[in-house]
Amino acid sequence: MKRRNNEEMKLSDLLKTFVDENKLDKKGLDQVKIRDIWNSQMGPAIEKYTTNIKLKNEVLYVQLSSSVLREELSYGKEKIIRILNEEMGKELIHKLVLR
C-alpha cells in the first residue's frame, strides 16, 4: 500500500491543481461557467429566449429564439463580451456570434 504525504492543502488549491492537471478549464468548466454567467448577467427575459450557448475557440455562440432580440443584442456585442470576460475573470471571449 502506498504511503500518503500528509501535508495540508487548501481545498481550493487542490481543486485548482486537479483542474489544471486534467486540462478541464477550456473544455468543460468554462463551458458551464459561461452559461451560468450569461443567464445571470443578461437576466431572466433574455434567458427565456436563449436556446443554446457554446464556447469554441474564443468565440461564444448564442442561439436565440427571437430574431428581434438577436437584432437588439447585436448592437451591444462589445459591451456583452466585456461584461462576460470580467465575470469570468479572464479574457476568454473575443467574438460573440448571435444565431
Protein backbone atom coordinates (compact mmCIF):
# COMPACT_ATOMS: atom_id res chain seq x y z
CA MET A 1 0.00 0.00 0.00
CA LYS A 2 1.31 3.45 -0.92
CA ARG A 3 2.17 5.83 1.83
CA ARG A 4 0.37 9.17 1.78
CA ASN A 5 2.04 12.51 2.07
CA ASN A 6 0.16 14.21 4.90
CA GLU A 7 0.94 17.81 4.08
CA GLU A 8 -2.04 20.11 4.37
CA MET A 9 -3.54 21.78 1.32
CA LYS A 10 -6.47 24.10 0.95
CA LEU A 11 -9.39 22.55 -0.87
CA SER A 12 -9.41 25.38 -3.43
CA ASP A 13 -5.73 24.76 -4.21
CA LEU A 14 -6.36 21.05 -4.52
CA LEU A 15 -9.27 21.60 -6.93
CA LYS A 16 -7.26 24.09 -8.99
CA THR A 17 -4.43 21.57 -9.28
CA PHE A 18 -6.89 18.87 -10.36
CA VAL A 19 -8.45 21.16 -12.99
CA ASP A 20 -5.05 22.24 -14.33
CA GLU A 21 -3.64 18.70 -14.49
CA ASN A 22 -6.70 17.38 -16.30
CA LYS A 23 -6.98 20.41 -18.61
CA LEU A 24 -10.63 20.95 -17.74
CA ASP A 25 -10.58 24.76 -17.96
CA LYS A 26 -11.17 25.23 -21.66
CA LYS A 27 -13.24 22.16 -22.29
CA GLY A 28 -15.71 21.66 -19.51
CA LEU A 29 -15.68 24.11 -16.66
CA ASP A 30 -15.54 27.27 -18.76
CA GLN A 31 -18.44 25.97 -20.85
CA VAL A 32 -20.62 25.53 -17.76
CA LYS A 33 -19.46 28.73 -16.11
CA ILE A 34 -20.11 30.91 -19.17
CA ARG A 35 -23.66 29.54 -19.43
CA ASP A 36 -24.32 30.44 -15.79
CA ILE A 37 -22.78 33.90 -16.19
CA TRP A 38 -24.77 34.56 -19.39
CA ASN A 39 -28.02 33.75 -17.60
CA SER A 40 -27.20 35.79 -14.50
CA GLN A 41 -25.85 38.86 -16.35
CA MET A 42 -28.40 39.00 -19.15
CA GLY A 43 -31.41 38.44 -16.90
CA PRO A 44 -34.46 36.17 -16.98
CA ALA A 45 -36.07 37.84 -20.01
CA ILE A 46 -33.11 37.06 -22.28
CA GLU A 47 -32.53 33.67 -20.64
CA LYS A 48 -36.06 32.71 -21.69
CA TYR A 49 -35.19 33.23 -25.37
CA THR A 50 -31.71 31.66 -25.18
CA THR A 51 -31.85 28.13 -26.55
CA ASN A 52 -28.15 27.20 -26.73
CA ILE A 53 -24.77 28.57 -25.66
CA LYS A 54 -21.47 27.18 -26.90
CA LEU A 55 -17.91 28.39 -26.35
CA LYS A 56 -15.44 27.28 -29.01
CA ASN A 57 -12.02 28.74 -29.86
CA GLU A 58 -12.60 32.05 -28.04
CA VAL A 59 -15.93 32.52 -29.86
CA LEU A 60 -19.19 32.45 -27.91
CA TYR A 61 -22.11 31.17 -29.99
CA VAL A 62 -25.51 32.10 -28.57
CA GLN A 63 -28.64 30.75 -30.20
CA LEU A 64 -31.75 32.84 -29.61
CA SER A 65 -35.35 32.02 -30.47
CA SER A 66 -36.28 35.66 -31.10
CA SER A 67 -34.98 37.47 -34.17
CA VAL A 68 -35.96 40.84 -32.66
CA LEU A 69 -33.91 40.15 -29.53
CA ARG A 70 -30.99 38.93 -31.66
CA GLU A 71 -31.03 42.24 -33.56
CA GLU A 72 -31.16 44.29 -30.35
CA LEU A 73 -28.30 42.38 -28.74
CA SER A 74 -26.16 42.69 -31.87
CA TYR A 75 -25.82 46.44 -31.21
CA GLY A 76 -24.14 45.78 -27.86
CA LYS A 77 -21.82 42.87 -28.67
CA GLU A 78 -18.65 44.60 -27.44
CA LYS A 79 -20.26 45.51 -24.13
CA ILE A 80 -21.62 41.97 -23.67
CA ILE A 81 -18.16 40.49 -24.36
CA ARG A 82 -16.58 42.88 -21.86
CA ILE A 83 -19.14 42.06 -19.14
CA LEU A 84 -18.80 38.30 -19.63
CA ASN A 85 -15.00 38.42 -19.62
CA GLU A 86 -15.00 40.50 -16.43
CA GLU A 87 -17.26 37.98 -14.71
CA MET A 88 -15.10 35.07 -15.92
CA GLY A 89 -12.01 36.81 -14.59
CA LYS A 90 -10.06 36.34 -17.82
CA GLU A 91 -10.13 37.30 -21.50
CA LEU A 92 -11.88 34.17 -22.66
CA ILE A 93 -14.27 35.53 -25.30
CA HIS A 94 -13.01 37.51 -28.28
CA LYS A 95 -16.05 37.26 -30.52
CA LEU A 96 -19.80 36.87 -29.98
CA VAL A 97 -21.96 35.21 -32.64
CA LEU A 98 -25.72 35.53 -32.21
CA ARG A 99 -27.75 32.95 -34.11
